Protein backbone atom coordinates (compact mmCIF):
# COMPACT_ATOMS: atom_id res chain seq x y z
CA MET A 1 62.51 32.47 0.62
CA ARG A 2 60.59 35.50 -0.43
CA ALA A 3 63.18 35.97 -3.27
CA ALA A 4 63.13 32.12 -5.06
CA PRO A 5 59.73 31.64 -7.00
CA GLY A 6 56.78 29.18 -5.41
CA PHE A 7 53.57 28.69 -3.85
CA LEU A 8 54.31 28.90 -0.30
CA THR A 9 52.43 31.88 1.81
CA GLU A 10 54.74 32.74 4.54
CA ARG A 11 53.03 31.85 7.35
CA GLU A 12 53.78 28.62 5.64
CA GLY A 13 57.16 29.40 4.90
CA ARG A 14 57.98 30.30 8.76
CA PHE A 15 56.24 27.13 10.11
CA LEU A 16 58.70 24.62 7.84
CA ALA A 17 61.44 26.87 9.36
CA LEU A 18 60.38 26.37 13.08
CA VAL A 19 59.51 22.31 12.45
CA ALA A 20 63.17 22.31 10.34
CA ALA A 21 64.76 23.64 13.73
CA CYS A 22 62.70 22.19 16.25
CA ALA A 23 62.03 18.64 15.04
CA PRO A 24 64.09 15.93 16.86
CA ALA A 25 67.63 15.32 15.96
CA GLY A 26 69.58 12.54 14.77
CA GLY A 27 67.53 12.47 11.58
CA THR A 28 67.27 13.13 7.82
CA ILE A 29 65.38 16.37 6.54
CA LEU A 30 63.56 15.06 3.20
CA GLU A 31 61.79 16.99 1.24
CA ILE A 32 59.71 15.44 -1.45
CA GLY A 33 59.03 17.69 -4.46
CA SER A 34 60.75 20.92 -4.69
CA PHE A 35 59.43 22.74 -7.61
CA LYS A 36 61.92 26.18 -8.09
CA GLY A 37 63.01 25.77 -4.93
CA LYS A 38 61.38 28.02 -2.10
CA SER A 39 60.76 25.47 0.44
CA THR A 40 64.33 24.04 -0.85
CA VAL A 41 65.79 27.65 0.50
CA GLY A 42 63.53 27.77 3.85
CA LEU A 43 64.55 24.22 5.30
CA ALA A 44 68.66 24.44 4.12
CA SER A 45 68.72 27.72 5.35
CA VAL A 46 67.91 26.57 8.85
CA ALA A 47 70.02 23.32 8.25
CA GLN A 48 72.97 25.85 7.83
CA ARG A 49 72.37 27.77 10.66
CA TYR A 50 72.23 25.41 12.81
CA ASP A 51 74.19 22.70 11.50
CA LEU A 52 71.82 19.87 11.26
CA GLY A 53 73.17 18.43 8.05
CA PRO A 54 72.77 18.23 4.48
CA VAL A 55 68.64 19.07 3.05
CA VAL A 56 67.76 15.82 0.85
CA ALA A 57 65.58 17.14 -1.88
CA VAL A 58 64.22 14.98 -4.47
CA ASP A 59 62.01 16.22 -7.87
CA PRO A 60 62.00 14.63 -10.93
CA HIS A 61 61.78 18.11 -12.66
CA SER A 62 60.37 16.98 -15.35
CA ALA A 63 58.80 18.86 -18.41
CA PRO A 64 56.23 19.29 -18.23
CA ALA A 65 56.05 18.94 -15.10
CA VAL A 66 53.27 16.28 -14.16
CA THR A 67 53.44 16.92 -10.20
CA ASP A 68 53.03 20.43 -10.60
CA PHE A 69 49.62 20.91 -11.69
CA GLY A 70 48.03 24.25 -12.67
CA HIS A 71 51.34 25.50 -12.24
CA GLY A 72 52.09 26.10 -16.24
CA SER A 73 55.57 24.60 -15.93
CA GLY A 74 55.74 23.35 -19.85
CA GLN A 75 59.85 23.79 -19.06
CA SER A 76 62.12 21.44 -16.62
CA SER A 77 61.86 23.40 -13.32
CA TRP A 78 66.07 22.22 -12.83
CA ASN A 79 67.87 25.47 -13.88
CA ASP A 80 65.47 27.78 -11.32
CA PHE A 81 66.05 24.79 -8.86
CA GLN A 82 69.52 25.53 -8.82
CA ALA A 83 69.64 29.10 -9.47
CA SER A 84 67.40 29.70 -6.15
CA LEU A 85 69.96 27.61 -3.90
CA ARG A 86 72.44 29.40 -5.45
CA SER A 87 70.93 33.14 -4.87
CA ALA A 88 70.47 31.99 -1.36
CA GLY A 89 74.37 30.39 -0.47
CA VAL A 90 72.66 27.11 0.55
CA GLU A 91 73.61 24.66 -2.47
CA ARG A 92 76.53 22.77 -0.61
CA THR A 93 73.48 22.58 2.46
CA VAL A 94 71.15 20.28 -0.46
CA GLU A 95 71.49 17.35 -1.75
CA ALA A 96 69.72 16.97 -4.86
CA HIS A 97 68.16 14.19 -6.36
CA ARG A 98 66.64 14.85 -9.70
CA ALA A 99 64.18 11.66 -9.47
CA TYR A 100 61.37 10.59 -8.52
CA SER A 101 61.03 9.55 -4.93
CA ARG A 102 60.03 5.67 -5.20
CA ASP A 103 63.66 5.68 -7.02
CA LEU A 104 65.30 7.05 -4.21
CA ALA A 105 63.56 5.22 -1.70
CA ARG A 106 64.96 1.82 -2.89
CA GLY A 107 68.02 2.61 -1.29
CA TRP A 108 66.75 4.90 1.28
CA THR A 109 68.16 4.00 4.65
CA ARG A 110 68.29 6.69 6.91
CA PRO A 111 66.25 7.88 9.73
CA ILE A 112 63.70 10.55 9.13
CA ARG A 113 63.33 13.59 11.58
CA PHE A 114 61.51 15.75 9.02
CA LEU A 115 59.29 14.24 6.04
CA TRP A 116 58.17 17.17 4.04
CA ILE A 117 55.85 16.02 0.91
CA ASP A 118 55.11 18.22 -1.35
CA GLY A 119 55.33 16.22 -4.88
CA ASP A 120 52.93 13.99 -7.16
CA HIS A 121 49.17 15.79 -5.51
CA THR A 122 47.45 12.49 -6.65
CA TYR A 123 45.91 9.83 -4.38
CA ARG A 124 48.15 7.40 -5.68
CA GLY A 125 51.62 9.71 -5.42
CA ALA A 126 50.96 10.90 -2.15
CA LYS A 127 50.09 7.92 -0.39
CA GLU A 128 53.13 6.06 -2.22
CA ASP A 129 55.43 9.12 -0.89
CA ILE A 130 54.29 8.29 2.59
CA ASP A 131 54.03 4.53 2.57
CA LEU A 132 57.89 4.53 1.07
CA PHE A 133 59.25 6.80 3.67
CA ARG A 134 57.11 5.95 7.28
CA PRO A 135 59.24 3.25 8.15
CA HIS A 136 62.14 5.57 7.96
CA LEU A 137 60.83 7.66 10.87
CA VAL A 138 62.32 8.39 14.29
CA PRO A 139 60.13 8.79 17.07
CA GLY A 140 59.32 12.28 17.26
CA ALA A 141 59.26 12.98 13.70
CA ILE A 142 57.38 15.60 11.86
CA VAL A 143 55.02 14.53 9.10
CA ALA A 144 53.94 17.85 6.90
CA LEU A 145 51.64 17.74 3.66
CA HIS A 146 51.49 20.71 1.35
CA ASP A 147 48.03 21.56 -0.04
CA VAL A 148 46.00 19.57 2.03
CA LEU A 149 43.33 22.59 2.02
CA HIS A 150 43.28 22.63 -1.76
CA THR A 151 40.96 20.60 -4.27
CA PHE A 152 43.86 18.20 -5.21
CA GLU A 153 42.44 14.42 -4.02
CA GLY A 154 46.19 13.25 -2.86
CA PRO A 155 47.54 15.39 0.38
CA VAL A 156 43.86 15.81 1.85
CA ARG A 157 43.50 12.37 1.92
CA VAL A 158 45.97 10.72 2.91
CA PHE A 159 46.43 13.46 5.80
CA ALA A 160 42.74 12.61 6.88
CA GLU A 161 43.32 8.85 6.19
CA GLU A 162 46.89 8.05 6.70
CA LEU A 163 47.43 10.18 9.87
CA LEU A 164 44.59 11.79 11.53
CA ASP A 165 43.40 7.88 11.20
CA SER A 166 46.34 6.30 12.15
CA ASP A 167 47.24 6.10 16.53
CA ASP A 168 50.91 6.06 15.14
CA PHE A 169 50.61 9.77 15.07
CA GLY A 170 49.80 12.30 17.51
CA PRO A 171 49.64 16.09 18.00
CA ALA A 172 48.59 16.97 14.45
CA GLY A 173 47.07 20.34 13.27
CA LEU A 174 47.62 22.94 9.55
CA CYS A 175 49.36 25.96 9.04
CA GLY A 176 47.56 27.54 6.11
CA SER A 177 47.53 24.69 3.68
CA ILE A 178 50.28 22.59 5.06
CA GLY A 179 48.43 19.68 6.87
CA TRP A 180 51.35 17.95 9.95
CA ALA A 181 51.11 15.40 12.57
CA GLN A 182 53.70 14.04 14.63
CA TYR A 183 55.19 10.27 14.33
CA ARG A 184 54.30 8.74 17.80
CA PRO A 185 54.00 5.37 17.87
CA HIS A 186 54.47 4.65 21.72
CA ASP A 187 51.74 6.89 22.54
CA GLY A 188 49.76 8.64 20.00
CA SER A 189 46.44 7.29 20.96
CA THR A 190 46.46 9.86 23.73
CA TRP A 191 45.79 12.47 20.54
CA ARG A 192 42.96 9.97 19.18
CA GLY A 193 40.28 12.50 20.66
CA ALA A 194 41.73 15.60 18.73
CA ARG A 195 42.74 14.28 15.60
CA ARG A 196 39.58 12.62 14.86
CA ALA A 197 37.85 15.98 15.86
CA LEU A 198 40.01 17.60 13.35
CA ARG A 199 39.38 14.50 10.91
CA ARG A 200 35.45 15.25 10.88
CA ARG A 201 36.23 18.46 10.01
CA ILE A 202 38.58 17.74 7.03
CA SER A 203 35.86 15.07 6.07
CA ARG A 204 33.59 17.56 5.00
CA LEU A 205 36.10 18.42 2.27
CA LEU A 206 36.89 14.58 0.38
CA PRO A 207 33.58 14.91 -1.57
CA PHE A 208 34.55 17.80 -3.16
CA VAL A 209 37.84 16.63 -3.91
CA LEU A 210 36.84 12.98 -5.50
CA GLY A 211 35.68 14.40 -8.62
CA PRO A 212 35.75 17.24 -11.73
CA GLU A 213 37.12 20.34 -10.12
CA PRO A 214 34.45 22.22 -8.07
CA LYS A 215 32.54 25.22 -9.59
CA GLY A 216 29.58 27.32 -8.99
CA TRP A 217 27.71 26.55 -5.67
CA ARG A 218 29.45 23.67 -5.35
CA LYS A 219 32.77 25.39 -5.08
CA LEU A 220 31.24 27.97 -2.48
CA ARG A 221 30.34 25.01 -0.45
CA TYR A 222 33.58 23.54 -0.47
CA LYS A 223 35.01 27.28 0.42
CA LEU A 224 32.70 26.98 3.45
CA TRP A 225 33.77 23.72 5.06
CA ARG A 226 37.55 24.89 4.00
CA GLY A 227 37.23 28.11 6.42
CA LEU A 228 35.82 25.99 9.65
CA VAL A 229 38.90 24.09 9.40
CA PRO A 230 41.47 25.64 11.96
CA HIS A 231 44.67 26.65 9.91
CA ASP A 232 45.88 29.53 11.17
CA ALA A 233 49.47 30.70 11.84
CA VAL A 234 51.31 28.94 14.37
CA LYS A 235 52.70 30.08 17.70
CA PRO A 236 56.08 28.81 17.79
CA GLU A 237 55.71 28.61 21.78
CA ASP A 238 52.82 26.77 21.67
CA TRP A 239 54.02 24.57 18.92
CA LEU A 240 56.64 23.10 21.20
CA ALA A 241 54.58 22.63 24.16
CA LEU A 242 52.68 20.29 22.48
CA VAL A 243 55.34 18.05 20.54
CA ARG A 244 58.53 18.19 22.75
CA GLY A 245 57.30 15.74 24.81
CA ALA A 246 58.00 13.03 21.87
CA TRP A 247 61.80 13.51 22.97
């Protein structure tokens, strides 16, 4: 993962690998938004090592990239994406779709054990991704969104409103800027109090993402509230103890 271009931190990459290895079996790893393949390489490396089947990666790799705001990506990321997979030796473990997630969803029938959303960062786009693929989650599946602790409206709102506010989900948290929750439709209400406590902290960020990019004192206030959201590196044994009761 270190060799592949992209925007994941090391702690985020380690967390993705943990989820890929330890989310419940019997489903697919689906990545929405691949860019140049950094997270794809990490997920596919784990899938290859533990014989978990192919990682499904969907991204239009459009140019300019309408889902990668601020990255200066004026050319398609498709060639770099393929090069990343080849360099890591995981190209045969990735089922790549050069398409929009909504197009892939039209014919989707497979159960999902890990849904990784890092595509369109608008609210409309991020909500569409969770709405389209949520019906295919297996009990115990993990849903994770990137850039929850950045000033994009989509990831933070969807994390707060669709995951933390729903009793279909149980344990939840953040690792770096990745917001995650476990699909627990039968007993998610058990974690309602913990989710609501996290929701209160996340809700302080929402006024800063519902408008222009925060600047000056407004940006400092955003950073202050963001720093109070727990997002430390995850200890694997603690995370497993939290989520493994689902299977």
